[in-house]
PDB file of N, CA and C in Angstrom:
ATOM      1  N   MET A   1     -17.527  18.100   4.863  1.00  0.00           N
ATOM      2  CA  MET A   1     -16.801  18.038   6.109  1.00  0.00           C
ATOM      3  C   MET A   1     -15.979  19.319   6.273  1.00  0.00           C
ATOM      4  N   PRO A   2     -16.232  20.055   7.302  1.00  0.00           N
ATOM      5  CA  PRO A   2     -15.416  21.247   7.547  1.00  0.00           C
ATOM      6  C   PRO A   2     -14.033  20.857   8.075  1.00  0.00           C
ATOM      7  N   ILE A   3     -13.059  21.665   7.748  1.00  0.00           N
ATOM      8  CA  ILE A   3     -11.698  21.412   8.225  1.00  0.00           C
ATOM      9  C   ILE A   3     -11.628  21.800   9.697  1.00  0.00           C
ATOM     10  N   ASN A   4     -11.175  20.894  10.538  1.00  0.00           N
ATOM     11  CA  ASN A   4     -11.071  21.196  11.964  1.00  0.00           C
ATOM     12  C   ASN A   4      -9.655  20.966  12.495  1.00  0.00           C
ATOM     13  N   GLU A   5      -8.678  20.857  11.593  1.00  0.00           N
ATOM     14  CA  GLU A   5      -7.284  20.671  11.990  1.00  0.00           C
ATOM     15  C   GLU A   5      -6.445  21.813  11.428  1.00  0.00           C
ATOM     16  N   GLY A   6      -5.568  22.330  12.258  1.00  0.00           N
ATOM     17  CA  GLY A   6      -4.652  23.371  11.828  1.00  0.00           C
ATOM     18  C   GLY A   6      -3.486  22.788  11.047  1.00  0.00           C
ATOM     19  N   ALA A   7      -2.658  23.665  10.478  1.00  0.00           N
ATOM     20  CA  ALA A   7      -1.553  23.242   9.625  1.00  0.00           C
ATOM     21  C   ALA A   7      -0.535  22.389  10.383  1.00  0.00           C
ATOM     22  N   ILE A   8      -0.170  22.811  11.577  1.00  0.00           N
ATOM     23  CA  ILE A   8       0.816  22.045  12.355  1.00  0.00           C
ATOM     24  C   ILE A   8       0.259  20.676  12.720  1.00  0.00           C
ATOM     25  N   ASP A   9      -1.000  20.636  13.118  1.00  0.00           N
ATOM     26  CA  ASP A   9      -1.659  19.380  13.471  1.00  0.00           C
ATOM     27  C   ASP A   9      -1.672  18.438  12.271  1.00  0.00           C
ATOM     28  N   ARG A  10      -1.983  18.966  11.095  1.00  0.00           N
ATOM     29  CA  ARG A  10      -2.054  18.145   9.895  1.00  0.00           C
ATOM     30  C   ARG A  10      -0.684  17.587   9.523  1.00  0.00           C
ATOM     31  N   VAL A  11       0.350  18.419   9.584  1.00  0.00           N
ATOM     32  CA  VAL A  11       1.702  17.969   9.237  1.00  0.00           C
ATOM     33  C   VAL A  11       2.162  16.883  10.204  1.00  0.00           C
ATOM     34  N   LEU A  12       1.918  17.091  11.488  1.00  0.00           N
ATOM     35  CA  LEU A  12       2.316  16.085  12.483  1.00  0.00           C
ATOM     36  C   LEU A  12       1.577  14.771  12.276  1.00  0.00           C
ATOM     37  N   ARG A  13       0.302  14.843  11.939  1.00  0.00           N
ATOM     38  CA  ARG A  13      -0.471  13.621  11.693  1.00  0.00           C
ATOM     39  C   ARG A  13       0.058  12.859  10.482  1.00  0.00           C
ATOM     40  N   VAL A  14       0.389  13.582   9.418  1.00  0.00           N
ATOM     41  CA  VAL A  14       0.903  12.915   8.219  1.00  0.00           C
ATOM     42  C   VAL A  14       2.250  12.255   8.515  1.00  0.00           C
ATOM     43  N   ILE A  15       3.130  12.969   9.196  1.00  0.00           N
ATOM     44  CA  ILE A  15       4.441  12.405   9.532  1.00  0.00           C
ATOM     45  C   ILE A  15       4.294  11.191  10.441  1.00  0.00           C
ATOM     46  N   LEU A  16       3.467  11.317  11.482  1.00  0.00           N
ATOM     47  CA  LEU A  16       3.243  10.206  12.399  1.00  0.00           C
ATOM     48  C   LEU A  16       2.600   9.016  11.689  1.00  0.00           C
ATOM     49  N   GLY A  17       1.622   9.294  10.842  1.00  0.00           N
ATOM     50  CA  GLY A  17       0.967   8.220  10.092  1.00  0.00           C
ATOM     51  C   GLY A  17       1.924   7.467   9.191  1.00  0.00           C
ATOM     52  N   LEU A  18       2.790   8.209   8.490  1.00  0.00           N
ATOM     53  CA  LEU A  18       3.776   7.567   7.625  1.00  0.00           C
ATOM     54  C   LEU A  18       4.783   6.758   8.441  1.00  0.00           C
ATOM     55  N   ALA A  19       5.174   7.289   9.593  1.00  0.00           N
ATOM     56  CA  ALA A  19       6.127   6.573  10.444  1.00  0.00           C
ATOM     57  C   ALA A  19       5.519   5.265  10.957  1.00  0.00           C
ATOM     58  N   ILE A  20       4.288   5.315  11.404  1.00  0.00           N
ATOM     59  CA  ILE A  20       3.634   4.097  11.905  1.00  0.00           C
ATOM     60  C   ILE A  20       3.385   3.118  10.765  1.00  0.00           C
ATOM     61  N   LEU A  21       2.937   3.632   9.635  1.00  0.00           N
ATOM     62  CA  LEU A  21       2.657   2.775   8.485  1.00  0.00           C
ATOM     63  C   LEU A  21       3.918   2.109   7.964  1.00  0.00           C
ATOM     64  N   SER A  22       5.052   2.775   8.070  1.00  0.00           N
ATOM     65  CA  SER A  22       6.307   2.177   7.604  1.00  0.00           C
ATOM     66  C   SER A  22       6.664   0.919   8.398  1.00  0.00           C
ATOM     67  N   LEU A  23       6.141   0.799   9.611  1.00  0.00           N
ATOM     68  CA  LEU A  23       6.403  -0.397  10.420  1.00  0.00           C
ATOM     69  C   LEU A  23       5.750  -1.645   9.828  1.00  0.00           C
ATOM     70  N   ALA A  24       4.799  -1.467   8.916  1.00  0.00           N
ATOM     71  CA  ALA A  24       4.189  -2.618   8.252  1.00  0.00           C
ATOM     72  C   ALA A  24       5.142  -3.219   7.227  1.00  0.00           C
ATOM     73  N   PHE A  25       6.114  -2.425   6.772  1.00  0.00           N
ATOM     74  CA  PHE A  25       7.034  -2.883   5.737  1.00  0.00           C
ATOM     75  C   PHE A  25       8.459  -3.092   6.255  1.00  0.00           C
ATOM     76  N   PHE A  26       8.843  -2.297   7.254  1.00  0.00           N
ATOM     77  CA  PHE A  26      10.185  -2.376   7.829  1.00  0.00           C
ATOM     78  C   PHE A  26      10.040  -2.615   9.328  1.00  0.00           C
ATOM     79  N   GLY A  27      11.062  -3.086   9.949  1.00  0.00           N
ATOM     80  CA  GLY A  27      11.014  -3.275  11.399  1.00  0.00           C
ATOM     81  C   GLY A  27      10.241  -4.513  11.773  1.00  0.00           C
ATOM     82  N   PRO A  28       9.346  -4.418  12.763  1.00  0.00           N
ATOM     83  CA  PRO A  28       8.657  -5.617  13.248  1.00  0.00           C
ATOM     84  C   PRO A  28       7.609  -6.165  12.278  1.00  0.00           C
ATOM     85  N   GLN A  29       7.213  -5.430  11.275  1.00  0.00           N
ATOM     86  CA  GLN A  29       6.220  -5.834  10.280  1.00  0.00           C
ATOM     87  C   GLN A  29       4.940  -6.355  10.920  1.00  0.00           C
ATOM     88  N   SER A  30       4.423  -5.588  11.844  1.00  0.00           N
ATOM     89  CA  SER A  30       3.210  -5.948  12.560  1.00  0.00           C
ATOM     90  C   SER A  30       1.978  -5.478  11.783  1.00  0.00           C
ATOM     91  N   PRO A  31       0.905  -6.266  11.773  1.00  0.00           N
ATOM     92  CA  PRO A  31      -0.327  -5.807  11.121  1.00  0.00           C
ATOM     93  C   PRO A  31      -0.938  -4.591  11.829  1.00  0.00           C
ATOM     94  N   TRP A  32      -0.564  -4.361  13.085  1.00  0.00           N
ATOM     95  CA  TRP A  32      -1.054  -3.190  13.806  1.00  0.00           C
ATOM     96  C   TRP A  32      -0.564  -1.894  13.179  1.00  0.00           C
ATOM     97  N   ALA A  33       0.504  -1.975  12.400  1.00  0.00           N
ATOM     98  CA  ALA A  33       1.061  -0.779  11.765  1.00  0.00           C
ATOM     99  C   ALA A  33       0.095  -0.173  10.760  1.00  0.00           C
ATOM    100  N   TRP A  34      -0.854  -0.954  10.281  1.00  0.00           N
ATOM    101  CA  TRP A  34      -1.839  -0.408   9.339  1.00  0.00           C
ATOM    102  C   TRP A  34      -2.740   0.640   9.989  1.00  0.00           C
ATOM    103  N   LEU A  35      -2.723   0.693  11.320  1.00  0.00           N
ATOM    104  CA  LEU A  35      -3.466   1.758  12.000  1.00  0.00           C
ATOM    105  C   LEU A  35      -2.863   3.131  11.710  1.00  0.00           C
ATOM    106  N   GLY A  36      -1.673   3.160  11.164  1.00  0.00           N
ATOM    107  CA  GLY A  36      -1.056   4.409  10.751  1.00  0.00           C
ATOM    108  C   GLY A  36      -1.830   5.102   9.643  1.00  0.00           C
ATOM    109  N   LEU A  37      -2.723   4.377   8.981  1.00  0.00           N
ATOM    110  CA  LEU A  37      -3.570   4.994   7.959  1.00  0.00           C
ATOM    111  C   LEU A  37      -4.531   6.023   8.559  1.00  0.00           C
ATOM    112  N   VAL A  38      -4.924   5.822   9.808  1.00  0.00           N
ATOM    113  CA  VAL A  38      -5.881   6.732  10.439  1.00  0.00           C
ATOM    114  C   VAL A  38      -5.307   8.143  10.561  1.00  0.00           C
ATOM    115  N   PRO A  39      -4.156   8.338  11.215  1.00  0.00           N
ATOM    116  CA  PRO A  39      -3.640   9.709  11.275  1.00  0.00           C
ATOM    117  C   PRO A  39      -3.215  10.232   9.904  1.00  0.00           C
ATOM    118  N   LEU A  40      -2.763   9.353   9.020  1.00  0.00           N
ATOM    119  CA  LEU A  40      -2.361   9.793   7.692  1.00  0.00           C
ATOM    120  C   LEU A  40      -3.556  10.349   6.926  1.00  0.00           C
ATOM    121  N   LEU A  41      -4.649   9.617   6.902  1.00  0.00           N
ATOM    122  CA  LEU A  41      -5.828  10.061   6.155  1.00  0.00           C
ATOM    123  C   LEU A  41      -6.510  11.271   6.794  1.00  0.00           C
ATOM    124  N   THR A  42      -6.563  11.310   8.122  1.00  0.00           N
ATOM    125  CA  THR A  42      -7.172  12.478   8.760  1.00  0.00           C
ATOM    126  C   THR A  42      -6.304  13.711   8.557  1.00  0.00           C
ATOM    127  N   GLY A  43      -4.991  13.532   8.523  1.00  0.00           N
ATOM    128  CA  GLY A  43      -4.096  14.653   8.263  1.00  0.00           C
ATOM    129  C   GLY A  43      -4.230  15.162   6.848  1.00  0.00           C
ATOM    130  N   LEU A  44      -4.365  14.260   5.888  1.00  0.00           N
ATOM    131  CA  LEU A  44      -4.528  14.669   4.498  1.00  0.00           C
ATOM    132  C   LEU A  44      -5.883  15.321   4.255  1.00  0.00           C
ATOM    133  N   ALA A  45      -6.915  14.821   4.915  1.00  0.00           N
ATOM    134  CA  ALA A  45      -8.259  15.368   4.733  1.00  0.00           C
ATOM    135  C   ALA A  45      -8.468  16.657   5.517  1.00  0.00           C
ATOM    136  N   GLY A  46      -7.755  16.817   6.618  1.00  0.00           N
ATOM    137  CA  GLY A  46      -7.932  18.007   7.453  1.00  0.00           C
ATOM    138  C   GLY A  46      -9.128  17.916   8.373  1.00  0.00           C
ATOM    139  N   PHE A  47      -9.715  16.747   8.468  1.00  0.00           N
ATOM    140  CA  PHE A  47     -10.891  16.551   9.308  1.00  0.00           C
ATOM    141  C   PHE A  47     -10.674  15.344  10.207  1.00  0.00           C
ATOM    142  N   CYS A  48     -10.895  15.537  11.502  1.00  0.00           N
ATOM    143  CA  CYS A  48     -10.781  14.453  12.472  1.00  0.00           C
ATOM    144  C   CYS A  48     -12.156  14.218  13.096  1.00  0.00           C
ATOM    145  N   PRO A  49     -12.746  13.036  12.911  1.00  0.00           N
ATOM    146  CA  PRO A  49     -14.057  12.763  13.498  1.00  0.00           C
ATOM    147  C   PRO A  49     -14.059  12.866  15.024  1.00  0.00           C
ATOM    148  N   ALA A  50     -12.971  12.471  15.675  1.00  0.00           N
ATOM    149  CA  ALA A  50     -12.900  12.580  17.137  1.00  0.00           C
ATOM    150  C   ALA A  50     -12.926  14.038  17.569  1.00  0.00           C
ATOM    151  N   TYR A  51     -12.223  14.911  16.838  1.00  0.00           N
ATOM    152  CA  TYR A  51     -12.268  16.344  17.134  1.00  0.00           C
ATOM    153  C   TYR A  51     -13.692  16.875  16.983  1.00  0.00           C
ATOM    154  N   ALA A  52     -14.398  16.419  15.955  1.00  0.00           N
ATOM    155  CA  ALA A  52     -15.767  16.873  15.722  1.00  0.00           C
ATOM    156  C   ALA A  52     -16.679  16.463  16.880  1.00  0.00           C
ATOM    157  N   LEU A  53     -16.520  15.238  17.363  1.00  0.00           N
ATOM    158  CA  LEU A  53     -17.350  14.766  18.476  1.00  0.00           C
ATOM    159  C   LEU A  53     -17.067  15.533  19.764  1.00  0.00           C
ATOM    160  N   LEU A  54     -15.795  15.879  19.970  1.00  0.00           N
ATOM    161  CA  LEU A  54     -15.403  16.570  21.197  1.00  0.00           C
ATOM    162  C   LEU A  54     -15.471  18.083  21.083  1.00  0.00           C
ATOM    163  N   GLY A  55     -15.751  18.591  19.883  1.00  0.00           N
ATOM    164  CA  GLY A  55     -15.852  20.033  19.690  1.00  0.00           C
ATOM    165  C   GLY A  55     -14.505  20.738  19.686  1.00  0.00           C
ATOM    166  N   ILE A  56     -13.447  20.033  19.298  1.00  0.00           N
ATOM    167  CA  ILE A  56     -12.100  20.601  19.278  1.00  0.00           C
ATOM    168  C   ILE A  56     -11.798  21.090  17.871  1.00  0.00           C
ATOM    169  N   ARG A  57     -11.175  22.266  17.777  1.00  0.00           N
ATOM    170  CA  ARG A  57     -10.727  22.811  16.496  1.00  0.00           C
ATOM    171  C   ARG A  57      -9.331  23.378  16.682  1.00  0.00           C
ATOM    172  N   THR A  58      -8.396  22.907  15.876  1.00  0.00           N
ATOM    173  CA  THR A  58      -7.058  23.485  15.911  1.00  0.00           C
ATOM    174  C   THR A  58      -6.843  24.379  14.696  1.00  0.00           C
ATOM    175  N   CYS A  59      -7.835  24.481  13.836  1.00  0.00           N
ATOM    176  CA  CYS A  59      -7.763  25.320  12.659  1.00  0.00           C
ATOM    177  C   CYS A  59      -8.171  26.738  13.056  1.00  0.00           C
ATOM    178  N   PRO A  60      -7.317  27.738  12.825  1.00  0.00           N
ATOM    179  CA  PRO A  60      -7.658  29.095  13.239  1.00  0.00           C
ATOM    180  C   PRO A  60      -8.707  29.771  12.353  1.00  0.00           C
ATOM    181  N   ALA A  61      -8.892  29.315  11.134  1.00  0.00           N
ATOM    182  CA  ALA A  61      -9.837  29.941  10.225  1.00  0.00           C
ATOM    183  C   ALA A  61     -11.269  29.506  10.527  1.00  0.00           C
ATOM    184  N   ASN A  62     -12.188  30.406  10.300  1.00  0.00           N
ATOM    185  CA  ASN A  62     -13.634  30.136  10.440  1.00  0.00           C
ATOM    186  C   ASN A  62     -14.034  29.699  11.831  1.00  0.00           C
ATOM    187  N   ARG A  63     -13.450  30.286  12.838  1.00  0.00           N
ATOM    188  CA  ARG A  63     -13.864  29.967  14.224  1.00  0.00           C
ATOM    189  C   ARG A  63     -15.236  30.564  14.473  1.00  0.00           C
ATOM    190  N   GLN A  64     -16.112  29.739  15.063  1.00  0.00           N
ATOM    191  CA  GLN A  64     -17.463  30.213  15.363  1.00  0.00           C
ATOM    192  C   GLN A  64     -17.840  29.886  16.774  1.00  0.00           C
TER     193      GLN A  64
END
């Protein structure tokens, strides 16, 4: 999987993912908070399947 997320995008995804995921343990404790795993994992991996489908790249390296 090629990296298609830039550094700022990845950091924001990890922060947002952790914030949403924390709602599963604190606050309303909704099972929907587990969706926070999606931005967390895509941020850690540096690859977003939706970006790949849409042809979006926020990573400045290896632009083709």
